[in-house]
Structures are given as structure tokens and as C-alpha cells.
PDB file of N, CA and C in Angstrom:
ATOM      1  N   MET A   1      48.668  92.838 116.959  1.00  0.00           N
ATOM      2  CA  MET A   1      48.293  91.481 116.683  1.00  0.00           C
ATOM      3  C   MET A   1      47.792  90.871 117.979  1.00  0.00           C
ATOM      4  N   SER A   2      46.510  90.558 118.037  1.00  0.00           N
ATOM      5  CA  SER A   2      45.987  89.922 119.236  1.00  0.00           C
ATOM      6  C   SER A   2      45.639  88.479 118.910  1.00  0.00           C
ATOM      7  N   LEU A   3      46.061  87.608 119.795  1.00  0.00           N
ATOM      8  CA  LEU A   3      45.819  86.183 119.616  1.00  0.00           C
ATOM      9  C   LEU A   3      45.081  85.644 120.826  1.00  0.00           C
ATOM     10  N   ASP A   4      43.996  84.911 120.576  1.00  0.00           N
ATOM     11  CA  ASP A   4      43.252  84.259 121.647  1.00  0.00           C
ATOM     12  C   ASP A   4      43.598  82.775 121.608  1.00  0.00           C
ATOM     13  N   LEU A   5      44.672  82.390 122.285  1.00  0.00           N
ATOM     14  CA  LEU A   5      45.195  81.031 122.185  1.00  0.00           C
ATOM     15  C   LEU A   5      44.379  80.016 122.962  1.00  0.00           C
ATOM     16  N   ARG A   6      43.552  80.469 123.870  1.00  0.00           N
ATOM     17  CA  ARG A   6      42.772  79.524 124.677  1.00  0.00           C
ATOM     18  C   ARG A   6      41.569  78.977 123.940  1.00  0.00           C
ATOM     19  N   SER A   7      40.959  79.775 123.082  1.00  0.00           N
ATOM     20  CA  SER A   7      39.714  79.326 122.475  1.00  0.00           C
ATOM     21  C   SER A   7      39.738  79.239 120.952  1.00  0.00           C
ATOM     22  N   SER A   8      40.712  79.829 120.306  1.00  0.00           N
ATOM     23  CA  SER A   8      40.688  79.886 118.846  1.00  0.00           C
ATOM     24  C   SER A   8      41.783  79.013 118.226  1.00  0.00           C
ATOM     25  N   ASN A   9      41.350  77.999 117.503  1.00  0.00           N
ATOM     26  CA  ASN A   9      42.311  77.143 116.799  1.00  0.00           C
ATOM     27  C   ASN A   9      43.016  77.898 115.682  1.00  0.00           C
ATOM     28  N   ILE A  10      42.330  78.827 115.058  1.00  0.00           N
ATOM     29  CA  ILE A  10      42.940  79.615 113.991  1.00  0.00           C
ATOM     30  C   ILE A  10      44.067  80.477 114.561  1.00  0.00           C
ATOM     31  N   ASP A  11      43.866  81.028 115.760  1.00  0.00           N
ATOM     32  CA  ASP A  11      44.931  81.821 116.382  1.00  0.00           C
ATOM     33  C   ASP A  11      46.129  80.946 116.742  1.00  0.00           C
ATOM     34  N   ARG A  12      45.874  79.718 117.181  1.00  0.00           N
ATOM     35  CA  ARG A  12      46.986  78.805 117.452  1.00  0.00           C
ATOM     36  C   ARG A  12      47.731  78.480 116.163  1.00  0.00           C
ATOM     37  N   LEU A  13      46.985  78.300 115.087  1.00  0.00           N
ATOM     38  CA  LEU A  13      47.596  78.048 113.783  1.00  0.00           C
ATOM     39  C   LEU A  13      48.416  79.250 113.335  1.00  0.00           C
ATOM     40  N   ARG A  14      47.884  80.441 113.538  1.00  0.00           N
ATOM     41  CA  ARG A  14      48.620  81.660 113.172  1.00  0.00           C
ATOM     42  C   ARG A  14      49.927  81.762 113.938  1.00  0.00           C
ATOM     43  N   LEU A  15      49.866  81.521 115.246  1.00  0.00           N
ATOM     44  CA  LEU A  15      51.074  81.603 116.065  1.00  0.00           C
ATOM     45  C   LEU A  15      52.104  80.565 115.625  1.00  0.00           C
ATOM     46  N   SER A  16      51.658  79.343 115.391  1.00  0.00           N
ATOM     47  CA  SER A  16      52.608  78.303 114.968  1.00  0.00           C
ATOM     48  C   SER A  16      53.175  78.620 113.591  1.00  0.00           C
ATOM     49  N   SER A  17      52.386  79.224 112.723  1.00  0.00           N
ATOM     50  CA  SER A  17      52.875  79.619 111.406  1.00  0.00           C
ATOM     51  C   SER A  17      53.939  80.710 111.518  1.00  0.00           C
ATOM     52  N   LEU A  18      53.690  81.684 112.385  1.00  0.00           N
ATOM     53  CA  LEU A  18      54.669  82.760 112.577  1.00  0.00           C
ATOM     54  C   LEU A  18      55.958  82.238 113.215  1.00  0.00           C
ATOM     55  N   LEU A  19      55.832  81.358 114.211  1.00  0.00           N
ATOM     56  CA  LEU A  19      57.024  80.767 114.831  1.00  0.00           C
ATOM     57  C   LEU A  19      57.817  79.954 113.816  1.00  0.00           C
ATOM     58  N   ASP A  20      57.109  79.202 112.987  1.00  0.00           N
ATOM     59  CA  ASP A  20      57.768  78.420 111.950  1.00  0.00           C
ATOM     60  C   ASP A  20      58.460  79.349 110.946  1.00  0.00           C
ATOM     61  N   GLY A  21      57.794  80.435 110.572  1.00  0.00           N
ATOM     62  CA  GLY A  21      58.388  81.384 109.626  1.00  0.00           C
ATOM     63  C   GLY A  21      59.633  82.054 110.173  1.00  0.00           C
ATOM     64  N   VAL A  22      59.591  82.462 111.436  1.00  0.00           N
ATOM     65  CA  VAL A  22      60.755  83.096 112.054  1.00  0.00           C
ATOM     66  C   VAL A  22      61.899  82.098 112.168  1.00  0.00           C
ATOM     67  N   SER A  23      61.604  80.877 112.612  1.00  0.00           N
ATOM     68  CA  SER A  23      62.669  79.878 112.765  1.00  0.00           C
ATOM     69  C   SER A  23      63.276  79.509 111.406  1.00  0.00           C
ATOM     70  N   TYR A  24      62.461  79.512 110.359  1.00  0.00           N
ATOM     71  CA  TYR A  24      62.966  79.225 109.014  1.00  0.00           C
ATOM     72  C   TYR A  24      63.931  80.320 108.550  1.00  0.00           C
ATOM     73  N   LEU A  25      63.563  81.575 108.812  1.00  0.00           N
ATOM     74  CA  LEU A  25      64.435  82.685 108.435  1.00  0.00           C
ATOM     75  C   LEU A  25      65.742  82.670 109.235  1.00  0.00           C
ATOM     76  N   VAL A  26      65.646  82.329 110.526  1.00  0.00           N
ATOM     77  CA  VAL A  26      66.861  82.231 111.347  1.00  0.00           C
ATOM     78  C   VAL A  26      67.737  81.093 110.829  1.00  0.00           C
ATOM     79  N   LEU A  27      67.112  79.987 110.461  1.00  0.00           N
ATOM     80  CA  LEU A  27      67.866  78.853 109.930  1.00  0.00           C
ATOM     81  C   LEU A  27      68.589  79.226 108.634  1.00  0.00           C
ATOM     82  N   LEU A  28      67.855  79.862 107.717  1.00  0.00           N
ATOM     83  CA  LEU A  28      68.455  80.214 106.424  1.00  0.00           C
ATOM     84  C   LEU A  28      69.397  81.412 106.506  1.00  0.00           C
ATOM     85  N   GLY A  29      69.053  82.391 107.331  1.00  0.00           N
ATOM     86  CA  GLY A  29      69.805  83.637 107.332  1.00  0.00           C
ATOM     87  C   GLY A  29      70.935  83.726 108.337  1.00  0.00           C
ATOM     88  N   ILE A  30      70.865  82.934 109.393  1.00  0.00           N
ATOM     89  CA  ILE A  30      71.895  83.015 110.425  1.00  0.00           C
ATOM     90  C   ILE A  30      72.636  81.684 110.586  1.00  0.00           C
ATOM     91  N   ALA A  31      71.881  80.607 110.809  1.00  0.00           N
ATOM     92  CA  ALA A  31      72.521  79.322 111.115  1.00  0.00           C
ATOM     93  C   ALA A  31      73.299  78.755 109.925  1.00  0.00           C
ATOM     94  N   MET A  32      72.718  78.800 108.750  1.00  0.00           N
ATOM     95  CA  MET A  32      73.421  78.249 107.578  1.00  0.00           C
ATOM     96  C   MET A  32      74.697  79.028 107.259  1.00  0.00           C
ATOM     97  N   PRO A  33      74.662  80.373 107.240  1.00  0.00           N
ATOM     98  CA  PRO A  33      75.931  81.088 107.025  1.00  0.00           C
ATOM     99  C   PRO A  33      76.968  80.800 108.110  1.00  0.00           C
ATOM    100  N   LEU A  34      76.532  80.674 109.363  1.00  0.00           N
ATOM    101  CA  LEU A  34      77.482  80.344 110.423  1.00  0.00           C
ATOM    102  C   LEU A  34      78.096  78.962 110.209  1.00  0.00           C
ATOM    103  N   LYS A  35      77.296  78.046 109.713  1.00  0.00           N
ATOM    104  CA  LYS A  35      77.813  76.702 109.466  1.00  0.00           C
ATOM    105  C   LYS A  35      78.910  76.717 108.403  1.00  0.00           C
ATOM    106  N   TYR A  36      78.654  77.418 107.316  1.00  0.00           N
ATOM    107  CA  TYR A  36      79.584  77.357 106.185  1.00  0.00           C
ATOM    108  C   TYR A  36      80.682  78.423 106.216  1.00  0.00           C
ATOM    109  N   MET A  37      80.425  79.572 106.838  1.00  0.00           N
ATOM    110  CA  MET A  37      81.438  80.626 106.842  1.00  0.00           C
ATOM    111  C   MET A  37      82.268  80.659 108.124  1.00  0.00           C
ATOM    112  N   ALA A  38      81.661  80.217 109.239  1.00  0.00           N
ATOM    113  CA  ALA A  38      82.371  80.277 110.517  1.00  0.00           C
ATOM    114  C   ALA A  38      82.647  78.881 111.083  1.00  0.00           C
ATOM    115  N   ASP A  39      82.368  77.856 110.291  1.00  0.00           N
ATOM    116  CA  ASP A  39      82.603  76.474 110.700  1.00  0.00           C
ATOM    117  C   ASP A  39      81.943  76.169 112.056  1.00  0.00           C
ATOM    118  N   MET A  40      80.640  76.485 112.128  1.00  0.00           N
ATOM    119  CA  MET A  40      79.864  76.238 113.341  1.00  0.00           C
ATOM    120  C   MET A  40      78.640  75.382 113.001  1.00  0.00           C
ATOM    121  N   PRO A  41      78.830  74.086 112.736  1.00  0.00           N
ATOM    122  CA  PRO A  41      77.706  73.242 112.325  1.00  0.00           C
ATOM    123  C   PRO A  41      76.661  73.018 113.420  1.00  0.00           C
ATOM    124  N   MET A  42      77.024  73.243 114.662  1.00  0.00           N
ATOM    125  CA  MET A  42      76.074  73.033 115.759  1.00  0.00           C
ATOM    126  C   MET A  42      74.889  73.996 115.679  1.00  0.00           C
ATOM    127  N   THR A  43      75.102  75.175 115.096  1.00  0.00           N
ATOM    128  CA  THR A  43      74.002  76.141 114.993  1.00  0.00           C
ATOM    129  C   THR A  43      72.876  75.585 114.133  1.00  0.00           C
ATOM    130  N   VAL A  44      73.221  74.900 113.049  1.00  0.00           N
ATOM    131  CA  VAL A  44      72.202  74.321 112.180  1.00  0.00           C
ATOM    132  C   VAL A  44      71.480  73.186 112.894  1.00  0.00           C
ATOM    133  N   ARG A  45      72.205  72.427 113.667  1.00  0.00           N
ATOM    134  CA  ARG A  45      71.576  71.325 114.396  1.00  0.00           C
ATOM    135  C   ARG A  45      70.560  71.850 115.406  1.00  0.00           C
ATOM    136  N   ILE A  46      70.921  72.894 116.127  1.00  0.00           N
ATOM    137  CA  ILE A  46      70.025  73.442 117.153  1.00  0.00           C
ATOM    138  C   ILE A  46      68.838  74.157 116.521  1.00  0.00           C
ATOM    139  N   VAL A  47      69.126  75.089 115.625  1.00  0.00           N
ATOM    140  CA  VAL A  47      68.049  75.868 115.002  1.00  0.00           C
ATOM    141  C   VAL A  47      67.196  74.972 114.111  1.00  0.00           C
ATOM    142  N   GLY A  48      67.817  74.024 113.429  1.00  0.00           N
ATOM    143  CA  GLY A  48      67.061  73.096 112.585  1.00  0.00           C
ATOM    144  C   GLY A  48      66.125  72.222 113.398  1.00  0.00           C
ATOM    145  N   SER A  49      66.561  71.805 114.568  1.00  0.00           N
ATOM    146  CA  SER A  49      65.692  71.013 115.447  1.00  0.00           C
ATOM    147  C   SER A  49      64.502  71.828 115.934  1.00  0.00           C
ATOM    148  N   LEU A  50      64.758  73.055 116.330  1.00  0.00           N
ATOM    149  CA  LEU A  50      63.659  73.932 116.753  1.00  0.00           C
ATOM    150  C   LEU A  50      62.691  74.200 115.606  1.00  0.00           C
ATOM    151  N   HIS A  51      63.240  74.445 114.439  1.00  0.00           N
ATOM    152  CA  HIS A  51      62.393  74.685 113.265  1.00  0.00           C
ATOM    153  C   HIS A  51      61.544  73.444 112.967  1.00  0.00           C
ATOM    154  N   GLY A  52      62.134  72.271 113.067  1.00  0.00           N
ATOM    155  CA  GLY A  52      61.378  71.043 112.845  1.00  0.00           C
ATOM    156  C   GLY A  52      60.252  70.879 113.848  1.00  0.00           C
ATOM    157  N   LEU A  53      60.500  71.226 115.099  1.00  0.00           N
ATOM    158  CA  LEU A  53      59.466  71.163 116.124  1.00  0.00           C
ATOM    159  C   LEU A  53      58.331  72.136 115.805  1.00  0.00           C
ATOM    160  N   PHE A  54      58.675  73.356 115.417  1.00  0.00           N
ATOM    161  CA  PHE A  54      57.647  74.334 115.065  1.00  0.00           C
ATOM    162  C   PHE A  54      56.872  73.900 113.818  1.00  0.00           C
ATOM    163  N   PHE A  55      57.551  73.282 112.861  1.00  0.00           N
ATOM    164  CA  PHE A  55      56.873  72.818 111.653  1.00  0.00           C
ATOM    165  C   PHE A  55      55.893  71.691 111.986  1.00  0.00           C
ATOM    166  N   LEU A  56      56.296  70.782 112.863  1.00  0.00           N
ATOM    167  CA  LEU A  56      55.377  69.714 113.280  1.00  0.00           C
ATOM    168  C   LEU A  56      54.173  70.290 114.016  1.00  0.00           C
ATOM    169  N   GLY A  57      54.397  71.319 114.837  1.00  0.00           N
ATOM    170  CA  GLY A  57      53.277  71.994 115.496  1.00  0.00           C
ATOM    171  C   GLY A  57      52.332  72.619 114.492  1.00  0.00           C
ATOM    172  N   LEU A  58      52.889  73.236 113.472  1.00  0.00           N
ATOM    173  CA  LEU A  58      52.071  73.818 112.410  1.00  0.00           C
ATOM    174  C   LEU A  58      51.226  72.741 111.738  1.00  0.00           C
ATOM    175  N   CYS A  59      51.837  71.609 111.423  1.00  0.00           N
ATOM    176  CA  CYS A  59      51.098  70.512 110.791  1.00  0.00           C
ATOM    177  C   CYS A  59      49.989  69.996 111.696  1.00  0.00           C
ATOM    178  N   LEU A  60      50.256  69.914 112.995  1.00  0.00           N
ATOM    179  CA  LEU A  60      49.244  69.473 113.951  1.00  0.00           C
ATOM    180  C   LEU A  60      48.068  70.437 113.977  1.00  0.00           C
ATOM    181  N   PHE A  61      48.339  71.733 114.069  1.00  0.00           N
ATOM    182  CA  PHE A  61      47.257  72.706 114.105  1.00  0.00           C
ATOM    183  C   PHE A  61      46.509  72.791 112.776  1.00  0.00           C
ATOM    184  N   LEU A  62      47.200  72.523 111.674  1.00  0.00           N
ATOM    185  CA  LEU A  62      46.513  72.438 110.374  1.00  0.00           C
ATOM    186  C   LEU A  62      45.532  71.279 110.370  1.00  0.00           C
ATOM    187  N   LEU A  63      45.964  70.148 110.889  1.00  0.00           N
ATOM    188  CA  LEU A  63      45.096  68.975 110.950  1.00  0.00           C
ATOM    189  C   LEU A  63      43.885  69.246 111.843  1.00  0.00           C
ATOM    190  N   VAL A  64      44.099  69.880 112.976  1.00  0.00           N
ATOM    191  CA  VAL A  64      42.990  70.213 113.875  1.00  0.00           C
ATOM    192  C   VAL A  64      42.006  71.150 113.177  1.00  0.00           C
ATOM    193  N   ALA A  65      42.512  72.164 112.500  1.00  0.00           N
ATOM    194  CA  ALA A  65      41.632  73.113 111.790  1.00  0.00           C
ATOM    195  C   ALA A  65      40.868  72.425 110.672  1.00  0.00           C
ATOM    196  N   LEU A  66      41.492  71.463 110.017  1.00  0.00           N
ATOM    197  CA  LEU A  66      40.820  70.737 108.938  1.00  0.00           C
ATOM    198  C   LEU A  66      39.741  69.814 109.488  1.00  0.00           C
ATOM    199  N   VAL A  67      40.055  69.085 110.546  1.00  0.00           N
ATOM    200  CA  VAL A  67      39.088  68.144 111.127  1.00  0.00           C
ATOM    201  C   VAL A  67      37.886  68.887 111.710  1.00  0.00           C
ATOM    202  N   ARG A  68      38.131  70.018 112.333  1.00  0.00           N
ATOM    203  CA  ARG A  68      37.033  70.800 112.911  1.00  0.00           C
ATOM    204  C   ARG A  68      36.354  71.703 111.892  1.00  0.00           C
ATOM    205  N   LYS A  69      36.760  71.568 110.637  1.00  0.00           N
ATOM    206  CA  LYS A  69      36.174  72.299 109.508  1.00  0.00           C
ATOM    207  C   LYS A  69      36.239  73.823 109.673  1.00  0.00           C
ATOM    208  N   GLN A  70      37.338  74.284 110.284  1.00  0.00           N
ATOM    209  CA  GLN A  70      37.545  75.718 110.391  1.00  0.00           C
ATOM    210  C   GLN A  70      38.276  76.256 109.167  1.00  0.00           C
ATOM    211  N   LEU A  71      38.997  75.381 108.473  1.00  0.00           N
ATOM    212  CA  LEU A  71      39.653  75.715 107.211  1.00  0.00           C
ATOM    213  C   LEU A  71      39.348  74.613 106.214  1.00  0.00           C
ATOM    214  N   SER A  72      39.192  75.012 104.971  1.00  0.00           N
ATOM    215  CA  SER A  72      38.975  74.018 103.923  1.00  0.00           C
ATOM    216  C   SER A  72      40.300  73.331 103.587  1.00  0.00           C
ATOM    217  N   PHE A  73      40.216  72.241 102.846  1.00  0.00           N
ATOM    218  CA  PHE A  73      41.419  71.522 102.438  1.00  0.00           C
ATOM    219  C   PHE A  73      42.318  72.431 101.594  1.00  0.00           C
ATOM    220  N   GLY A  74      41.722  73.242 100.747  1.00  0.00           N
ATOM    221  CA  GLY A  74      42.490  74.167  99.914  1.00  0.00           C
ATOM    222  C   GLY A  74      43.277  75.166 100.743  1.00  0.00           C
ATOM    223  N   TRP A  75      42.640  75.703 101.787  1.00  0.00           N
ATOM    224  CA  TRP A  75      43.339  76.641 102.669  1.00  0.00           C
ATOM    225  C   TRP A  75      44.475  75.952 103.398  1.00  0.00           C
ATOM    226  N   CYS A  76      44.260  74.713 103.809  1.00  0.00           N
ATOM    227  CA  CYS A  76      45.322  73.967 104.498  1.00  0.00           C
ATOM    228  C   CYS A  76      46.514  73.757 103.572  1.00  0.00           C
ATOM    229  N   VAL A  77      46.261  73.496 102.313  1.00  0.00           N
ATOM    230  CA  VAL A  77      47.348  73.339 101.340  1.00  0.00           C
ATOM    231  C   VAL A  77      48.092  74.659 101.181  1.00  0.00           C
ATOM    232  N   ILE A  78      47.361  75.760 101.119  1.00  0.00           N
ATOM    233  CA  ILE A  78      47.996  77.078 100.985  1.00  0.00           C
ATOM    234  C   ILE A  78      48.888  77.367 102.186  1.00  0.00           C
ATOM    235  N   VAL A  79      48.395  77.103 103.395  1.00  0.00           N
ATOM    236  CA  VAL A  79      49.186  77.350 104.608  1.00  0.00           C
ATOM    237  C   VAL A  79      50.430  76.468 104.605  1.00  0.00           C
ATOM    238  N   PHE A  80      50.284  75.211 104.205  1.00  0.00           N
ATOM    239  CA  PHE A  80      51.424  74.293 104.177  1.00  0.00           C
ATOM    240  C   PHE A  80      52.481  74.757 103.177  1.00  0.00           C
ATOM    241  N   VAL A  81      52.053  75.151 101.994  1.00  0.00           N
ATOM    242  CA  VAL A  81      52.998  75.608 100.965  1.00  0.00           C
ATOM    243  C   VAL A  81      53.677  76.909 101.413  1.00  0.00           C
ATOM    244  N   CYS A  82      52.923  77.786 102.049  1.00  0.00           N
ATOM    245  CA  CYS A  82      53.516  79.033 102.540  1.00  0.00           C
ATOM    246  C   CYS A  82      54.568  78.779 103.604  1.00  0.00           C
ATOM    247  N   ALA A  83      54.468  77.672 104.327  1.00  0.00           N
ATOM    248  CA  ALA A  83      55.480  77.337 105.331  1.00  0.00           C
ATOM    249  C   ALA A  83      56.815  76.979 104.678  1.00  0.00           C
ATOM    250  N   LEU A  84      56.792  76.650 103.402  1.00  0.00           N
ATOM    251  CA  LEU A  84      58.002  76.264 102.688  1.00  0.00           C
ATOM    252  C   LEU A  84      58.691  77.439 101.999  1.00  0.00           C
ATOM    253  N   ILE A  85      58.028  78.580 101.960  1.00  0.00           N
ATOM    254  CA  ILE A  85      58.543  79.757 101.254  1.00  0.00           C
ATOM    255  C   ILE A  85      58.924  80.821 102.284  1.00  0.00           C
ATOM    256  N   PRO A  86      60.176  81.274 102.284  1.00  0.00           N
ATOM    257  CA  PRO A  86      60.569  82.315 103.245  1.00  0.00           C
ATOM    258  C   PRO A  86      59.697  83.570 103.105  1.00  0.00           C
ATOM    259  N   PHE A  87      59.338  84.164 104.199  1.00  0.00           N
ATOM    260  CA  PHE A  87      58.524  85.380 104.331  1.00  0.00           C
ATOM    261  C   PHE A  87      57.049  85.173 104.031  1.00  0.00           C
ATOM    262  N   ALA A  88      56.649  84.079 103.416  1.00  0.00           N
ATOM    263  CA  ALA A  88      55.244  83.864 103.074  1.00  0.00           C
ATOM    264  C   ALA A  88      54.328  83.765 104.295  1.00  0.00           C
ATOM    265  N   PRO A  89      54.750  83.136 105.408  1.00  0.00           N
ATOM    266  CA  PRO A  89      53.839  83.068 106.562  1.00  0.00           C
ATOM    267  C   PRO A  89      53.429  84.435 107.112  1.00  0.00           C
ATOM    268  N   PHE A  90      54.267  85.434 106.933  1.00  0.00           N
ATOM    269  CA  PHE A  90      53.941  86.754 107.452  1.00  0.00           C
ATOM    270  C   PHE A  90      52.861  87.431 106.611  1.00  0.00           C
ATOM    271  N   PHE A  91      52.855  87.174 105.310  1.00  0.00           N
ATOM    272  CA  PHE A  91      51.800  87.694 104.445  1.00  0.00           C
ATOM    273  C   PHE A  91      50.512  86.900 104.630  1.00  0.00           C
ATOM    274  N   LEU A  92      50.646  85.624 104.904  1.00  0.00           N
ATOM    275  CA  LEU A  92      49.495  84.750 105.107  1.00  0.00           C
ATOM    276  C   LEU A  92      48.760  85.078 106.402  1.00  0.00           C
ATOM    277  N   ASP A  93      49.470  85.588 107.379  1.00  0.00           N
ATOM    278  CA  ASP A  93      48.871  85.874 108.684  1.00  0.00           C
ATOM    279  C   ASP A  93      47.676  86.808 108.565  1.00  0.00           C
ATOM    280  N   ARG A  94      47.764  87.788 107.725  1.00  0.00           N
ATOM    281  CA  ARG A  94      46.661  88.736 107.539  1.00  0.00           C
ATOM    282  C   ARG A  94      45.416  88.022 107.029  1.00  0.00           C
ATOM    283  N   LYS A  95      45.592  87.098 106.102  1.00  0.00           N
ATOM    284  CA  LYS A  95      44.459  86.351 105.561  1.00  0.00           C
ATOM    285  C   LYS A  95      43.874  85.393 106.603  1.00  0.00           C
ATOM    286  N   LEU A  96      44.727  84.777 107.398  1.00  0.00           N
ATOM    287  CA  LEU A  96      44.239  83.881 108.436  1.00  0.00           C
ATOM    288  C   LEU A  96      43.491  84.651 109.541  1.00  0.00           C
ATOM    289  N   ARG A  97      43.921  85.881 109.802  1.00  0.00           N
ATOM    290  CA  ARG A  97      43.240  86.704 110.801  1.00  0.00           C
ATOM    291  C   ARG A  97      41.805  86.954 110.371  1.00  0.00           C
ATOM    292  N   GLU A  98      41.559  87.075 109.086  1.00  0.00           N
ATOM    293  CA  GLU A  98      40.204  87.301 108.576  1.00  0.00           C
ATOM    294  C   GLU A  98      39.331  86.045 108.675  1.00  0.00           C
ATOM    295  N   LYS A  99      39.966  84.882 108.749  1.00  0.00           N
ATOM    296  CA  LYS A  99      39.233  83.611 108.841  1.00  0.00           C
ATOM    297  C   LYS A  99      38.653  83.360 110.225  1.00  0.00           C
ATOM    298  N   LYS A 100      39.120  84.115 111.207  1.00  0.00           N
ATOM    299  CA  LYS A 100      38.721  83.902 112.592  1.00  0.00           C
ATOM    300  C   LYS A 100      37.252  84.072 112.810  1.00  0.00           C
TER     301      LYS A 100
END
């Protein structure tokens, strides 16, 4: 996976999507069980905050891609919805790589 973060907005969007996807899986698969099974609510606060930051970054890069007309409104909706579904950003990455 090669990403050109200096010049490609789509690559920045891909990276933010992958970071958001990983943080979402960590939140659901590690932090939430630790909160409820090991009585460690701080894990959700920390991982949830990081996930929120990555999600806001994803939204920012989606807006940039939409304004610069690198992605259509329909594609932006697809990327946004995929951010809400676990594992979906990893399947979406292949399609976004083709958009470059």
C-alpha cells in the first residue's frame, strides 16, 4: 500500500479512513470489553476520544475531496456510511485506490 500524502487528497482520505477503521475496531473489540468485563472505563474514554478525532479527520478530508471535485457526493456518502460499519473501510480502500 503506497500513499502519497503530500500531493494526493484521496490518499489522505484513504489513510484517515483506515485509521478510523482501526480505531473503531479497537474501541469495539478491546476497549468496550475492558470497560464492562474488567471495570476499566478509562479505556473507552481514551480510545473513544482518539476514534472521534480520526472520524473528524475523515469528515474533513471527505469535505476537501468533495469541494475539489475529486469524489462525487455519492462516493462521499458511501465513504461516510462505511466509516460506521466495522471492517468496511478496509474493503473500501481498494476502491478508493482506483479513484486516485
